Amino acid sequence: MRFGSVLAFVLLVPASFGLIGCGGSHHGGWGARGASQEAVRHITVVGHGEAMGKPDIARTSLGVEASAPTVEEAMNQTSARMKAILDALKKLGVEDKDVQTANFSIQVERPFIDGPMPVPMPEPLPAPAPVKGGKAAAASAPASAPVALPPPPAVKYRVSNTVEVTIRDVSKASRVVQAAVDAGANNVWNVSFGIDETKALEATAREKAVADAKARAEVLAKLSGVELGPVISVSEVVGRGPIGPMPMMATAEAKWGGGGPPLAMGEVTYSTSIEVIFGIKKAPEPPPPAE
């Protein structure tokens, strides 16, 4: 058994030297890879671009709320008001496809009671009837009647119904809001302006972002004393997208003169960022010395 082990060891030694030899060629591969990595030197920059356009669409949320002692009564009130609102929108040219229910809810309203519930004092027990001999009756006299607690506070039911409206004629935005309020809307949320089709705006913003990235890279290359090379990769960073005016909120108690609330459309800005990786050109080798 010992002779066999020694023989096996002797047979394995040449194989180990063969692997080491392969390892030597492997080191040559690493050297080539290191040279290729050294050749791909680069500059990474992020360019920003913005494009502005005039709004051609408006969006808002119109809602009604009603509170009543019963759910049926509250629903009847909100349903009547919402029907009047939809009829008013249709008269102004808002199509059915541009009106969508966003919220419908029924909630119980319980009145808030400050402090502990009032508890009535129990009525005093009647005096025991006298008996012969002047002594009071035994303790087995009839107990007093149970004390009646006050009725619980009345609850109400609040029903809310809200629709999201898209106004494709922005010149009618103020009139649409006023018509909804006149029809019974007591909540107006998020009046905002935007652009329906943003492809042209996005393309302009991307062009500006790429130009900005190239300008940044050229400045960095000049400051670093290198020459800018070709583009290695380009990727778009998700931006904020279209940015419009701030939303507003109004209630039915608000009254505006001149046919509707003053709404300023302003401009819509689309913003994007582009990350560009530029290669760095390898400096030319100096000419060999003259003989």
C-alpha atoms as a PDB file:
ATOM      1  CA  MET A   1       0.000   0.000   0.000  1.00  0.00           C
ATOM      2  CA  ARG A   2       2.813   2.440   0.754  1.00  0.00           C
ATOM      3  CA  PHE A   3       4.518   1.656  -2.595  1.00  0.00           C
ATOM      4  CA  GLY A   4       1.266   2.404  -4.425  1.00  0.00           C
ATOM      5  CA  SER A   5       0.940   5.745  -2.694  1.00  0.00           C
ATOM      6  CA  VAL A   6       4.447   6.772  -3.632  1.00  0.00           C
ATOM      7  CA  LEU A   7       3.847   5.741  -7.241  1.00  0.00           C
ATOM      8  CA  ALA A   8       0.654   7.801  -7.406  1.00  0.00           C
ATOM      9  CA  PHE A   9       2.506  10.856  -6.071  1.00  0.00           C
ATOM     10  CA  VAL A  10       5.230  10.499  -8.667  1.00  0.00           C
ATOM     11  CA  LEU A  11       2.633  10.305 -11.435  1.00  0.00           C
ATOM     12  CA  LEU A  12       0.854  13.463 -10.279  1.00  0.00           C
ATOM     13  CA  VAL A  13       3.920  15.712 -10.140  1.00  0.00           C
ATOM     14  CA  PRO A  14       4.299  16.212 -13.940  1.00  0.00           C
ATOM     15  CA  ALA A  15       0.602  17.208 -14.179  1.00  0.00           C
ATOM     16  CA  SER A  16       1.113  19.960 -11.599  1.00  0.00           C
ATOM     17  CA  PHE A  17       3.960  21.464 -13.576  1.00  0.00           C
ATOM     18  CA  GLY A  18       1.758  21.441 -16.656  1.00  0.00           C
ATOM     19  CA  LEU A  19      -0.889  23.550 -14.909  1.00  0.00           C
ATOM     20  CA  ILE A  20       1.676  26.059 -13.763  1.00  0.00           C
ATOM     21  CA  GLY A  21       2.819  26.403 -17.299  1.00  0.00           C
ATOM     22  CA  CYS A  22      -0.736  27.180 -18.325  1.00  0.00           C
ATOM     23  CA  GLY A  23      -0.842  29.703 -15.520  1.00  0.00           C
ATOM     24  CA  GLY A  24       2.075  31.478 -17.094  1.00  0.00           C
ATOM     25  CA  SER A  25       0.170  31.949 -20.311  1.00  0.00           C
ATOM     26  CA  HIS A  26      -2.820  33.071 -18.226  1.00  0.00           C
ATOM     27  CA  HIS A  27      -0.679  35.892 -16.862  1.00  0.00           C
ATOM     28  CA  GLY A  28      -0.092  36.953 -20.421  1.00  0.00           C
ATOM     29  CA  GLY A  29      -3.879  37.220 -20.836  1.00  0.00           C
ATOM     30  CA  TRP A  30      -4.160  39.447 -17.809  1.00  0.00           C
ATOM     31  CA  GLY A  31      -1.518  41.724 -19.267  1.00  0.00           C
ATOM     32  CA  ALA A  32      -3.495  42.096 -22.484  1.00  0.00           C
ATOM     33  CA  ARG A  33      -6.663  42.789 -20.549  1.00  0.00           C
ATOM     34  CA  GLY A  34      -4.906  45.421 -18.462  1.00  0.00           C
ATOM     35  CA  ALA A  35      -3.694  47.101 -21.628  1.00  0.00           C
ATOM     36  CA  SER A  36      -7.236  47.158 -23.049  1.00  0.00           C
ATOM     37  CA  GLN A  37      -8.606  48.611 -19.845  1.00  0.00           C
ATOM     38  CA  GLU A  38      -5.938  51.292 -19.880  1.00  0.00           C
ATOM     39  CA  ALA A  39      -6.930  52.203 -23.423  1.00  0.00           C
ATOM     40  CA  VAL A  40     -10.580  52.802 -22.442  1.00  0.00           C
ATOM     41  CA  ARG A  41     -10.128  55.915 -20.355  1.00  0.00           C
ATOM     42  CA  HIS A  42     -13.238  58.055 -20.220  1.00  0.00           C
ATOM     43  CA  ILE A  43     -15.038  61.143 -18.919  1.00  0.00           C
ATOM     44  CA  THR A  44     -18.592  60.852 -17.572  1.00  0.00           C
ATOM     45  CA  VAL A  45     -20.885  63.874 -17.557  1.00  0.00           C
ATOM     46  CA  VAL A  46     -24.610  64.554 -17.075  1.00  0.00           C
ATOM     47  CA  GLY A  47     -26.225  67.147 -19.299  1.00  0.00           C
ATOM     48  CA  HIS A  48     -29.482  68.928 -18.506  1.00  0.00           C
ATOM     49  CA  GLY A  49     -32.062  70.234 -20.927  1.00  0.00           C
ATOM     50  CA  GLU A  50     -35.396  72.019 -20.652  1.00  0.00           C
ATOM     51  CA  ALA A  51     -38.076  72.895 -23.172  1.00  0.00           C
ATOM     52  CA  MET A  52     -41.102  75.122 -22.583  1.00  0.00           C
ATOM     53  CA  GLY A  53     -44.434  75.179 -24.323  1.00  0.00           C
ATOM     54  CA  LYS A  54     -47.860  76.754 -24.071  1.00  0.00           C
ATOM     55  CA  PRO A  55     -50.506  74.575 -22.334  1.00  0.00           C
ATOM     56  CA  ASP A  56     -53.211  73.103 -24.529  1.00  0.00           C
ATOM     57  CA  ILE A  57     -55.093  71.063 -21.908  1.00  0.00           C
ATOM     58  CA  ALA A  58     -56.438  71.591 -18.384  1.00  0.00           C
ATOM     59  CA  ARG A  59     -57.407  69.110 -15.673  1.00  0.00           C
ATOM     60  CA  THR A  60     -59.375  69.489 -12.469  1.00  0.00           C
ATOM     61  CA  SER A  61     -61.294  67.478  -9.869  1.00  0.00           C
ATOM     62  CA  LEU A  62     -64.875  68.527  -9.098  1.00  0.00           C
ATOM     63  CA  GLY A  63     -66.747  67.104  -6.139  1.00  0.00           C
ATOM     64  CA  VAL A  64     -69.900  67.328  -4.062  1.00  0.00           C
ATOM     65  CA  GLU A  65     -70.434  66.472  -0.421  1.00  0.00           C
ATOM     66  CA  ALA A  66     -73.666  66.243   1.540  1.00  0.00           C
ATOM     67  CA  SER A  67     -74.451  65.363   5.140  1.00  0.00           C
ATOM     68  CA  ALA A  68     -77.850  64.049   6.303  1.00  0.00           C
ATOM     69  CA  PRO A  69     -79.371  61.941   9.104  1.00  0.00           C
ATOM     70  CA  THR A  70     -79.783  58.981   6.726  1.00  0.00           C
ATOM     71  CA  VAL A  71     -77.594  57.518   3.977  1.00  0.00           C
ATOM     72  CA  GLU A  72     -80.458  57.643   1.493  1.00  0.00           C
ATOM     73  CA  GLU A  73     -81.027  61.341   2.020  1.00  0.00           C
ATOM     74  CA  ALA A  74     -77.328  62.179   1.706  1.00  0.00           C
ATOM     75  CA  MET A  75     -77.006  60.092  -1.483  1.00  0.00           C
ATOM     76  CA  ASN A  76     -80.048  61.749  -3.023  1.00  0.00           C
ATOM     77  CA  GLN A  77     -78.518  65.181  -2.430  1.00  0.00           C
ATOM     78  CA  THR A  78     -75.116  64.293  -3.912  1.00  0.00           C
ATOM     79  CA  SER A  79     -76.664  62.457  -6.854  1.00  0.00           C
ATOM     80  CA  ALA A  80     -78.846  65.427  -7.770  1.00  0.00           C
ATOM     81  CA  ARG A  81     -75.917  67.850  -7.557  1.00  0.00           C
ATOM     82  CA  MET A  82     -73.562  65.596  -9.528  1.00  0.00           C
ATOM     83  CA  LYS A  83     -76.138  65.153 -12.286  1.00  0.00           C
ATOM     84  CA  ALA A  84     -76.484  68.930 -12.519  1.00  0.00           C
ATOM     85  CA  ILE A  85     -72.681  69.260 -12.703  1.00  0.00           C
ATOM     86  CA  LEU A  86     -72.389  66.706 -15.513  1.00  0.00           C
ATOM     87  CA  ASP A  87     -75.153  68.414 -17.457  1.00  0.00           C
ATOM     88  CA  ALA A  88     -73.386  71.755 -17.086  1.00  0.00           C
ATOM     89  CA  LEU A  89     -70.087  70.271 -18.305  1.00  0.00           C
ATOM     90  CA  LYS A  90     -71.769  68.748 -21.334  1.00  0.00           C
ATOM     91  CA  LYS A  91     -73.286  72.107 -22.281  1.00  0.00           C
ATOM     92  CA  LEU A  92     -69.776  73.590 -22.336  1.00  0.00           C
ATOM     93  CA  GLY A  93     -68.539  70.903 -24.738  1.00  0.00           C
ATOM     94  CA  VAL A  94     -66.817  68.526 -22.294  1.00  0.00           C
ATOM     95  CA  GLU A  95     -67.173  65.013 -23.718  1.00  0.00           C
ATOM     96  CA  ASP A  96     -68.130  61.957 -21.676  1.00  0.00           C
ATOM     97  CA  LYS A  97     -64.723  60.328 -22.246  1.00  0.00           C
ATOM     98  CA  ASP A  98     -63.085  63.261 -20.446  1.00  0.00           C
ATOM     99  CA  VAL A  99     -65.088  62.784 -17.226  1.00  0.00           C
ATOM    100  CA  GLN A 100     -64.193  59.950 -14.863  1.00  0.00           C
ATOM    101  CA  THR A 101     -65.292  59.162 -11.315  1.00  0.00           C
ATOM    102  CA  ALA A 102     -62.276  59.470  -9.018  1.00  0.00           C
ATOM    103  CA  ASN A 103     -63.837  58.924  -5.588  1.00  0.00           C
ATOM    104  CA  PHE A 104     -67.143  57.915  -4.022  1.00  0.00           C
ATOM    105  CA  SER A 105     -67.381  57.407  -0.273  1.00  0.00           C
ATOM    106  CA  ILE A 106     -69.910  57.151   2.576  1.00  0.00           C
ATOM    107  CA  GLN A 107     -68.792  58.045   6.099  1.00  0.00           C
ATOM    108  CA  VAL A 108     -70.467  58.172   9.481  1.00  0.00           C
ATOM    109  CA  GLU A 109     -70.201  61.466  11.327  1.00  0.00           C
ATOM    110  CA  ARG A 110     -70.385  61.209  15.089  1.00  0.00           C
ATOM    111  CA  PRO A 111     -70.585  64.457  17.067  1.00  0.00           C
ATOM    112  CA  PHE A 112     -67.635  65.220  19.294  1.00  0.00           C
ATOM    113  CA  ILE A 113     -68.468  65.346  23.014  1.00  0.00           C
ATOM    114  CA  ASP A 114     -66.088  67.378  25.125  1.00  0.00           C
ATOM    115  CA  GLY A 115     -65.677  65.802  28.564  1.00  0.00           C
ATOM    116  CA  PRO A 116     -67.329  62.773  30.172  1.00  0.00           C
ATOM    117  CA  MET A 117     -70.859  61.740  29.377  1.00  0.00           C
ATOM    118  CA  PRO A 118     -73.398  63.215  31.829  1.00  0.00           C
ATOM    119  CA  VAL A 119     -74.775  60.594  34.216  1.00  0.00           C
ATOM    120  CA  PRO A 120     -78.091  61.418  35.998  1.00  0.00           C
ATOM    121  CA  MET A 121     -78.235  61.027  39.756  1.00  0.00           C
ATOM    122  CA  PRO A 122     -80.404  58.136  40.974  1.00  0.00           C
ATOM    123  CA  GLU A 123     -83.730  59.058  42.488  1.00  0.00           C
ATOM    124  CA  PRO A 124     -83.917  58.775  46.319  1.00  0.00           C
ATOM    125  CA  LEU A 125     -85.609  55.713  47.728  1.00  0.00           C
ATOM    126  CA  PRO A 126     -89.078  56.292  49.198  1.00  0.00           C
ATOM    127  CA  ALA A 127     -89.334  56.370  52.990  1.00  0.00           C
ATOM    128  CA  PRO A 128     -90.374  53.015  54.508  1.00  0.00           C
ATOM    129  CA  ALA A 129     -93.998  52.786  55.561  1.00  0.00           C
ATOM    130  CA  PRO A 130     -94.543  52.794  59.357  1.00  0.00           C
ATOM    131  CA  VAL A 131     -95.871  49.666  61.082  1.00  0.00           C
ATOM    132  CA  LYS A 132     -97.493  49.009  64.407  1.00  0.00           C
ATOM    133  CA  GLY A 133     -95.303  49.893  67.331  1.00  0.00           C
ATOM    134  CA  GLY A 134     -93.718  52.870  65.472  1.00  0.00           C
ATOM    135  CA  LYS A 135     -90.885  50.881  63.940  1.00  0.00           C
ATOM    136  CA  ALA A 136     -89.853  51.212  60.350  1.00  0.00           C
ATOM    137  CA  ALA A 137     -90.570  48.498  57.825  1.00  0.00           C
ATOM    138  CA  ALA A 138     -87.984  45.856  57.165  1.00  0.00           C
ATOM    139  CA  ALA A 139     -85.273  46.306  54.555  1.00  0.00           C
ATOM    140  CA  SER A 140     -87.354  44.324  52.093  1.00  0.00           C
ATOM    141  CA  ALA A 141     -88.995  47.505  50.752  1.00  0.00           C
ATOM    142  CA  PRO A 142     -89.366  47.611  46.935  1.00  0.00           C
ATOM    143  CA  ALA A 143     -86.318  49.014  45.070  1.00  0.00           C
ATOM    144  CA  SER A 144     -86.547  52.232  43.070  1.00  0.00           C
ATOM    145  CA  ALA A 145     -87.161  52.159  39.317  1.00  0.00           C
ATOM    146  CA  PRO A 146     -84.037  51.915  37.022  1.00  0.00           C
ATOM    147  CA  VAL A 147     -82.546  55.243  36.038  1.00  0.00           C
ATOM    148  CA  ALA A 148     -82.962  56.109  32.322  1.00  0.00           C
ATOM    149  CA  LEU A 149     -79.689  57.099  30.575  1.00  0.00           C
ATOM    150  CA  PRO A 150     -79.673  60.049  28.156  1.00  0.00           C
ATOM    151  CA  PRO A 151     -80.111  59.114  24.474  1.00  0.00           C
ATOM    152  CA  PRO A 152     -76.898  58.752  22.446  1.00  0.00           C
ATOM    153  CA  PRO A 153     -75.946  61.726  20.281  1.00  0.00           C
ATOM    154  CA  ALA A 154     -77.430  61.639  16.793  1.00  0.00           C
ATOM    155  CA  VAL A 155     -75.104  60.607  13.965  1.00  0.00           C
ATOM    156  CA  LYS A 156     -75.052  61.816  10.390  1.00  0.00           C
ATOM    157  CA  TYR A 157     -73.873  60.310   7.143  1.00  0.00           C
ATOM    158  CA  ARG A 158     -71.593  62.167   4.753  1.00  0.00           C
ATOM    159  CA  VAL A 159     -71.529  61.131   1.093  1.00  0.00           C
ATOM    160  CA  SER A 160     -68.792  62.388  -1.253  1.00  0.00           C
ATOM    161  CA  ASN A 161     -68.624  62.077  -5.030  1.00  0.00           C
ATOM    162  CA  THR A 162     -65.680  63.402  -7.064  1.00  0.00           C
ATOM    163  CA  VAL A 163     -64.967  63.331 -10.805  1.00  0.00           C
ATOM    164  CA  GLU A 164     -61.779  64.130 -12.705  1.00  0.00           C
ATOM    165  CA  VAL A 165     -62.386  66.363 -15.703  1.00  0.00           C
ATOM    166  CA  THR A 166     -60.131  66.957 -18.712  1.00  0.00           C
ATOM    167  CA  ILE A 167     -60.725  70.290 -20.427  1.00  0.00           C
ATOM    168  CA  ARG A 168     -59.321  70.219 -23.975  1.00  0.00           C
ATOM    169  CA  ASP A 169     -60.195  73.836 -24.706  1.00  0.00           C
ATOM    170  CA  VAL A 170     -58.096  75.708 -22.162  1.00  0.00           C
ATOM    171  CA  SER A 171     -59.910  78.939 -22.900  1.00  0.00           C
ATOM    172  CA  LYS A 172     -62.984  77.420 -21.221  1.00  0.00           C
ATOM    173  CA  ALA A 173     -61.202  76.289 -18.034  1.00  0.00           C
ATOM    174  CA  SER A 174     -62.463  79.164 -15.908  1.00  0.00           C
ATOM    175  CA  ARG A 175     -66.012  78.834 -17.262  1.00  0.00           C
ATOM    176  CA  VAL A 176     -66.035  75.081 -16.563  1.00  0.00           C
ATOM    177  CA  VAL A 177     -65.055  75.633 -12.931  1.00  0.00           C
ATOM    178  CA  GLN A 178     -67.652  78.355 -12.480  1.00  0.00           C
ATOM    179  CA  ALA A 179     -70.388  76.266 -14.121  1.00  0.00           C
ATOM    180  CA  ALA A 180     -69.603  73.331 -11.822  1.00  0.00           C
ATOM    181  CA  VAL A 181     -69.760  75.539  -8.727  1.00  0.00           C
ATOM    182  CA  ASP A 182     -73.049  77.067  -9.877  1.00  0.00           C
ATOM    183  CA  ALA A 183     -74.445  73.549 -10.399  1.00  0.00           C
ATOM    184  CA  GLY A 184     -73.676  72.509  -6.831  1.00  0.00           C
ATOM    185  CA  ALA A 185     -69.979  71.544  -6.617  1.00  0.00           C
ATOM    186  CA  ASN A 186     -68.632  72.405  -3.189  1.00  0.00           C
ATOM    187  CA  ASN A 187     -65.103  71.037  -3.767  1.00  0.00           C
ATOM    188  CA  VAL A 188     -62.734  72.010  -6.574  1.00  0.00           C
ATOM    189  CA  TRP A 189     -59.293  70.391  -6.450  1.00  0.00           C
ATOM    190  CA  ASN A 190     -56.076  70.543  -8.468  1.00  0.00           C
ATOM    191  CA  VAL A 191     -56.745  72.884 -11.341  1.00  0.00           C
ATOM    192  CA  SER A 192     -53.641  72.348 -13.485  1.00  0.00           C
ATOM    193  CA  PHE A 193     -52.511  73.004 -17.043  1.00  0.00           C
ATOM    194  CA  GLY A 194     -50.408  70.794 -19.273  1.00  0.00           C
ATOM    195  CA  ILE A 195     -49.586  69.688 -22.802  1.00  0.00           C
ATOM    196  CA  ASP A 196     -51.460  66.730 -24.207  1.00  0.00           C
ATOM    197  CA  GLU A 197     -48.741  65.560 -26.604  1.00  0.00           C
ATOM    198  CA  THR A 198     -45.218  66.085 -25.235  1.00  0.00           C
ATOM    199  CA  LYS A 199     -43.090  64.221 -27.810  1.00  0.00           C
ATOM    200  CA  ALA A 200     -41.867  67.384 -29.535  1.00  0.00           C
ATOM    201  CA  LEU A 201     -41.139  68.987 -26.151  1.00  0.00           C
ATOM    202  CA  GLU A 202     -39.212  65.910 -25.000  1.00  0.00           C
ATOM    203  CA  ALA A 203     -37.135  65.808 -28.214  1.00  0.00           C
ATOM    204  CA  THR A 204     -36.110  69.446 -27.795  1.00  0.00           C
ATOM    205  CA  ALA A 205     -35.173  68.878 -24.151  1.00  0.00           C
ATOM    206  CA  ARG A 206     -33.037  65.852 -25.092  1.00  0.00           C
ATOM    207  CA  GLU A 207     -31.180  67.793 -27.799  1.00  0.00           C
ATOM    208  CA  LYS A 208     -30.345  70.503 -25.304  1.00  0.00           C
ATOM    209  CA  ALA A 209     -29.272  67.921 -22.704  1.00  0.00           C
ATOM    210  CA  VAL A 210     -26.872  66.188 -25.129  1.00  0.00           C
ATOM    211  CA  ALA A 211     -25.389  69.525 -26.215  1.00  0.00           C
ATOM    212  CA  ASP A 212     -24.954  70.488 -22.571  1.00  0.00           C
ATOM    213  CA  ALA A 213     -23.235  67.162 -21.833  1.00  0.00           C
ATOM    214  CA  LYS A 214     -20.794  67.647 -24.725  1.00  0.00           C
ATOM    215  CA  ALA A 215     -19.957  71.185 -23.581  1.00  0.00           C
ATOM    216  CA  ARG A 216     -19.311  69.962 -20.035  1.00  0.00           C
ATOM    217  CA  ALA A 217     -17.101  67.124 -21.259  1.00  0.00           C
ATOM    218  CA  GLU A 218     -15.023  69.472 -23.447  1.00  0.00           C
ATOM    219  CA  VAL A 219     -14.415  71.779 -20.494  1.00  0.00           C
ATOM    220  CA  LEU A 220     -13.341  68.876 -18.274  1.00  0.00           C
ATOM    221  CA  ALA A 221     -11.044  67.490 -20.975  1.00  0.00           C
ATOM    222  CA  LYS A 222      -9.383  70.891 -21.437  1.00  0.00           C
ATOM    223  CA  LEU A 223      -8.908  71.307 -17.687  1.00  0.00           C
ATOM    224  CA  SER A 224      -7.426  67.814 -17.475  1.00  0.00           C
ATOM    225  CA  GLY A 225      -5.073  68.309 -20.408  1.00  0.00           C
ATOM    226  CA  VAL A 226      -6.528  65.509 -22.529  1.00  0.00           C
ATOM    227  CA  GLU A 227      -8.353  65.329 -25.826  1.00  0.00           C
ATOM    228  CA  LEU A 228     -12.007  64.260 -25.912  1.00  0.00           C
ATOM    229  CA  GLY A 229     -12.694  61.032 -27.760  1.00  0.00           C
ATOM    230  CA  PRO A 230     -15.803  59.353 -29.191  1.00  0.00           C
ATOM    231  CA  VAL A 231     -19.001  58.661 -27.272  1.00  0.00           C
ATOM    232  CA  ILE A 232     -18.931  55.311 -25.457  1.00  0.00           C
ATOM    233  CA  SER A 233     -22.449  55.221 -24.026  1.00  0.00           C
ATOM    234  CA  VAL A 234     -25.532  57.402 -23.624  1.00  0.00           C
ATOM    235  CA  SER A 235     -28.354  56.955 -21.106  1.00  0.00           C
ATOM    236  CA  GLU A 236     -31.321  59.112 -20.160  1.00  0.00           C
ATOM    237  CA  VAL A 237     -31.926  59.901 -16.510  1.00  0.00           C
ATOM    238  CA  VAL A 238     -35.600  59.960 -15.593  1.00  0.00           C
ATOM    239  CA  GLY A 239     -36.449  63.610 -15.065  1.00  0.00           C
ATOM    240  CA  ARG A 240     -39.335  65.460 -13.526  1.00  0.00           C
ATOM    241  CA  GLY A 241     -41.319  65.526 -16.751  1.00  0.00           C
ATOM    242  CA  PRO A 242     -43.770  68.311 -17.512  1.00  0.00           C
ATOM    243  CA  ILE A 243     -43.955  70.930 -14.775  1.00  0.00           C
ATOM    244  CA  GLY A 244     -47.009  73.168 -14.715  1.00  0.00           C
ATOM    245  CA  PRO A 245     -48.488  75.783 -12.414  1.00  0.00           C
ATOM    246  CA  MET A 246     -49.278  74.945  -8.804  1.00  0.00           C
ATOM    247  CA  PRO A 247     -52.701  73.333  -8.154  1.00  0.00           C
ATOM    248  CA  MET A 248     -55.478  75.247  -6.480  1.00  0.00           C
ATOM    249  CA  MET A 249     -58.466  74.447  -4.285  1.00  0.00           C
ATOM    250  CA  ALA A 250     -61.771  76.272  -4.047  1.00  0.00           C
ATOM    251  CA  THR A 251     -65.153  75.797  -2.414  1.00  0.00           C
ATOM    252  CA  ALA A 252     -68.705  76.610  -3.337  1.00  0.00           C
ATOM    253  CA  GLU A 253     -68.653  79.622  -1.027  1.00  0.00           C
ATOM    254  CA  ALA A 254     -66.080  81.299  -3.287  1.00  0.00           C
ATOM    255  CA  LYS A 255     -67.651  83.635  -5.815  1.00  0.00           C
ATOM    256  CA  TRP A 256     -65.791  85.214  -8.684  1.00  0.00           C
ATOM    257  CA  GLY A 257     -66.857  88.011 -10.912  1.00  0.00           C
ATOM    258  CA  GLY A 258     -66.672  88.098 -14.686  1.00  0.00           C
ATOM    259  CA  GLY A 259     -67.774  84.548 -15.460  1.00  0.00           C
ATOM    260  CA  GLY A 260     -65.275  82.508 -13.481  1.00  0.00           C
ATOM    261  CA  PRO A 261     -62.186  82.392 -11.254  1.00  0.00           C
ATOM    262  CA  PRO A 262     -58.979  83.965 -12.552  1.00  0.00           C
ATOM    263  CA  LEU A 263     -56.745  81.143 -13.816  1.00  0.00           C
ATOM    264  CA  ALA A 264     -53.225  81.745 -15.139  1.00  0.00           C
ATOM    265  CA  MET A 265     -52.024  79.152 -17.689  1.00  0.00           C
ATOM    266  CA  GLY A 266     -48.381  80.180 -17.801  1.00  0.00           C
ATOM    267  CA  GLU A 267     -45.999  77.784 -19.586  1.00  0.00           C
ATOM    268  CA  VAL A 268     -45.265  74.093 -19.153  1.00  0.00           C
ATOM    269  CA  THR A 269     -41.624  73.078 -18.753  1.00  0.00           C
ATOM    270  CA  TYR A 270     -40.290  69.633 -19.615  1.00  0.00           C
ATOM    271  CA  SER A 271     -36.954  68.730 -18.021  1.00  0.00           C
ATOM    272  CA  THR A 272     -34.639  65.803 -18.698  1.00  0.00           C
ATOM    273  CA  SER A 273     -31.051  64.711 -18.017  1.00  0.00           C
ATOM    274  CA  ILE A 274     -28.705  62.699 -20.251  1.00  0.00           C
ATOM    275  CA  GLU A 275     -25.636  60.840 -18.993  1.00  0.00           C
ATOM    276  CA  VAL A 276     -22.896  60.582 -21.642  1.00  0.00           C
ATOM    277  CA  ILE A 277     -19.579  58.756 -21.362  1.00  0.00           C
ATOM    278  CA  PHE A 278     -16.846  60.083 -23.684  1.00  0.00           C
ATOM    279  CA  GLY A 279     -13.609  58.282 -24.377  1.00  0.00           C
ATOM    280  CA  ILE A 280     -10.233  59.982 -24.023  1.00  0.00           C
ATOM    281  CA  LYS A 281      -7.926  59.915 -27.017  1.00  0.00           C
ATOM    282  CA  LYS A 282      -4.551  58.369 -26.387  1.00  0.00           C
ATOM    283  CA  ALA A 283      -1.725  60.866 -26.574  1.00  0.00           C
ATOM    284  CA  PRO A 284       0.524  60.272 -29.594  1.00  0.00           C
ATOM    285  CA  GLU A 285       3.868  58.680 -28.811  1.00  0.00           C
ATOM    286  CA  PRO A 286       6.857  60.979 -29.200  1.00  0.00           C
ATOM    287  CA  PRO A 287       8.938  60.409 -32.347  1.00  0.00           C
ATOM    288  CA  PRO A 288      12.067  58.320 -31.921  1.00  0.00           C
ATOM    289  CA  PRO A 289      15.266  60.301 -31.424  1.00  0.00           C
ATOM    290  CA  ALA A 290      17.181  61.089 -34.575  1.00  0.00           C
ATOM    291  CA  GLU A 291      20.275  59.009 -35.159  1.00  0.00           C
END
